[in-house]
Amino acid sequence: MKEHLLRSKLEELFERSGERERLIKELQNLIYSIASEIIENLPERTTVDIPDVGRLKIKCFNAKLGSETMLTINGAAILDDYRPPAESFYLYNDFNCLVTVANLSDYINIANHLPTIIQSLKVNQESIIEKVRGAIDKVTQFPKMTDNPSA
């Protein structure tokens, strides 16, 4: 009787473990799909600091055989379920290009703060746009050398 109860508890444990792994992979894939869209539409080195989340940055990892642009959180890469959270690997087997996958709490934080993250990225882009517009306005305010008859 006790052996049957123990076996039953172990089976429940293993079911929960399998469900946990399935859900982690699903979360990784969902966050990675959003990260991929961000990478495709924003420039490399775009960086934002999000309270309670950390620093998000679009970063290019360069290896001898190629490079990959990834969204990172606190330096760790947001990847799909091909690699488990917190695992490290050498990009293209280049021992000079170590990449660490974000940990599970980072994926959860990103999921829980997506609206804030998107808004921060938008504010970041708007700030850069305003700075560039201001610089263009200052340059175009100067009269051209050919416009000055006394020159």
Protein backbone atom coordinates (compact mmCIF):
# COMPACT_ATOMS: atom_id res chain seq x y z
CA MET A 1 0.00 0.00 0.00
CA LYS A 2 2.73 2.48 0.96
CA GLU A 3 4.70 1.53 -2.15
CA HIS A 4 1.65 2.27 -4.34
CA LEU A 5 1.16 5.65 -2.63
CA LEU A 6 4.84 6.47 -3.10
CA ARG A 7 4.69 5.49 -6.77
CA SER A 8 1.59 7.67 -7.23
CA LYS A 9 3.33 10.68 -5.64
CA LEU A 10 6.40 10.16 -7.85
CA GLU A 11 4.23 10.04 -10.98
CA GLU A 12 2.55 13.30 -9.95
CA LEU A 13 5.97 14.84 -9.42
CA PHE A 14 7.18 13.72 -12.84
CA GLU A 15 4.01 15.04 -14.50
CA ARG A 16 4.55 18.43 -12.84
CA SER A 17 8.17 18.46 -13.95
CA GLY A 18 7.15 17.73 -17.54
CA GLU A 19 4.50 20.47 -17.43
CA ARG A 20 7.07 22.90 -16.04
CA GLU A 21 9.51 22.16 -18.87
CA ARG A 22 6.77 22.49 -21.49
CA LEU A 23 5.66 25.86 -20.10
CA ILE A 24 9.24 27.18 -19.91
CA LYS A 25 9.80 26.29 -23.56
CA GLU A 26 6.53 27.94 -24.53
CA LEU A 27 7.49 31.12 -22.62
CA GLN A 28 10.94 31.17 -24.22
CA ASN A 29 9.45 30.85 -27.70
CA LEU A 30 6.88 33.59 -27.09
CA ILE A 31 9.45 36.05 -25.72
CA TYR A 32 11.93 35.12 -28.46
CA SER A 33 9.35 35.86 -31.18
CA ILE A 34 8.84 39.35 -29.73
CA ALA A 35 12.60 39.82 -29.36
CA SER A 36 13.08 38.84 -33.01
CA GLU A 37 10.61 41.50 -34.13
CA ILE A 38 12.40 44.10 -32.02
CA ILE A 39 15.77 43.10 -33.50
CA GLU A 40 14.39 43.31 -37.05
CA ASN A 41 12.95 46.79 -36.55
CA LEU A 42 15.35 48.65 -34.25
CA PRO A 43 19.03 49.44 -34.75
CA GLU A 44 21.84 47.49 -33.15
CA ARG A 45 23.05 48.89 -29.81
CA THR A 46 19.58 50.20 -28.93
CA THR A 47 19.63 50.14 -25.13
CA VAL A 48 16.98 50.81 -22.49
CA ASP A 49 17.05 50.39 -18.73
CA ILE A 50 13.78 49.11 -17.31
CA PRO A 51 13.15 49.28 -13.54
CA ASP A 52 12.52 45.82 -12.05
CA VAL A 53 13.69 44.19 -15.29
CA GLY A 54 17.18 45.39 -16.14
CA ARG A 55 19.07 46.59 -19.19
CA LEU A 56 17.77 45.49 -22.58
CA LYS A 57 20.17 45.88 -25.47
CA ILE A 58 20.30 44.82 -29.10
CA LYS A 59 23.76 43.36 -29.39
CA CYS A 60 25.77 41.76 -32.17
CA PHE A 61 27.83 38.75 -31.12
CA ASN A 62 30.78 38.30 -33.48
CA ALA A 63 32.41 34.91 -33.94
CA LYS A 64 35.05 33.87 -36.43
CA LEU A 65 32.53 32.06 -38.62
CA GLY A 66 29.76 34.63 -38.47
CA SER A 67 27.74 36.91 -36.27
CA GLU A 68 24.30 36.96 -34.68
CA THR A 69 22.31 39.93 -33.47
CA MET A 70 20.37 39.20 -30.30
CA LEU A 71 18.27 41.02 -27.76
CA THR A 72 19.99 40.77 -24.40
CA ILE A 73 18.83 41.35 -20.87
CA ASN A 74 21.60 42.27 -18.46
CA GLY A 75 24.04 40.84 -20.98
CA ALA A 76 22.30 37.45 -21.40
CA ALA A 77 20.68 36.54 -24.71
CA ILE A 78 16.95 36.04 -25.27
CA LEU A 79 16.76 32.83 -27.30
CA ASP A 80 14.14 30.25 -28.23
CA ASP A 81 13.80 26.83 -26.58
CA TYR A 82 16.73 25.35 -28.51
CA ARG A 83 18.86 26.26 -25.49
CA PRO A 84 17.56 26.13 -21.91
CA PRO A 85 17.60 29.23 -19.69
CA ALA A 86 20.95 30.12 -18.12
CA GLU A 87 22.93 27.80 -20.41
CA SER A 88 26.16 29.12 -21.92
CA PHE A 89 27.56 28.16 -25.30
CA TYR A 90 30.19 29.25 -27.79
CA LEU A 91 28.65 30.89 -30.84
CA TYR A 92 29.70 28.89 -33.92
CA ASN A 93 32.03 26.95 -31.59
CA ASP A 94 34.22 30.04 -31.30
CA PHE A 95 35.86 29.91 -27.86
CA ASN A 96 36.22 33.69 -27.96
CA CYS A 97 32.45 34.24 -28.27
CA LEU A 98 30.66 32.94 -25.20
CA VAL A 99 26.89 33.55 -25.12
CA THR A 100 24.77 32.98 -22.02
CA VAL A 101 21.04 32.46 -22.36
CA ALA A 102 18.84 34.60 -20.09
CA ASN A 103 17.65 32.86 -16.95
CA LEU A 104 14.05 31.91 -16.29
CA SER A 105 13.38 34.89 -14.03
CA ASP A 106 14.48 37.21 -16.87
CA TYR A 107 11.99 35.62 -19.27
CA ILE A 108 9.25 35.95 -16.63
CA ASN A 109 10.19 39.60 -15.93
CA ILE A 110 10.08 40.43 -19.63
CA ALA A 111 6.66 38.80 -19.97
CA ASN A 112 5.33 40.66 -16.94
CA HIS A 113 6.67 44.03 -18.12
CA LEU A 114 6.09 43.92 -21.89
CA PRO A 115 3.99 47.10 -22.09
CA THR A 116 6.65 49.01 -20.12
CA ILE A 117 9.44 47.58 -22.25
CA ILE A 118 7.71 48.51 -25.50
CA GLN A 119 6.94 52.01 -24.22
CA SER A 120 10.56 52.50 -23.11
CA LEU A 121 11.83 51.41 -26.51
CA LYS A 122 9.39 53.84 -28.15
CA VAL A 123 10.53 56.71 -25.90
CA ASN A 124 14.15 55.82 -26.70
CA GLN A 125 13.50 56.04 -30.43
CA GLU A 126 11.52 59.29 -30.09
CA SER A 127 14.36 60.84 -28.08
CA ILE A 128 16.88 59.98 -30.79
CA ILE A 129 14.53 61.29 -33.49
CA GLU A 130 14.18 64.62 -31.67
CA LYS A 131 17.95 64.94 -31.21
CA VAL A 132 18.58 64.27 -34.91
CA ARG A 133 15.83 66.69 -35.96
CA GLY A 134 17.29 69.34 -33.68
CA ALA A 135 20.73 68.84 -35.15
CA ILE A 136 19.36 69.07 -38.70
CA ASP A 137 17.47 72.25 -37.80
CA LYS A 138 20.61 73.84 -36.38
CA VAL A 139 22.63 72.98 -39.48
CA THR A 140 19.98 74.21 -41.90
CA GLN A 141 19.61 77.51 -40.00
CA PHE A 142 23.09 78.57 -41.03
CA PRO A 143 23.08 80.50 -44.28
CA LYS A 144 24.83 78.75 -47.09
CA MET A 145 28.15 80.22 -48.12
CA THR A 146 26.79 81.00 -51.57
CA ASP A 147 23.84 82.91 -50.03
CA ASN A 148 26.17 85.50 -48.52
CA PRO A 149 27.09 88.10 -51.17
CA SER A 150 29.90 89.57 -49.06
CA ALA A 151 31.78 86.29 -48.87
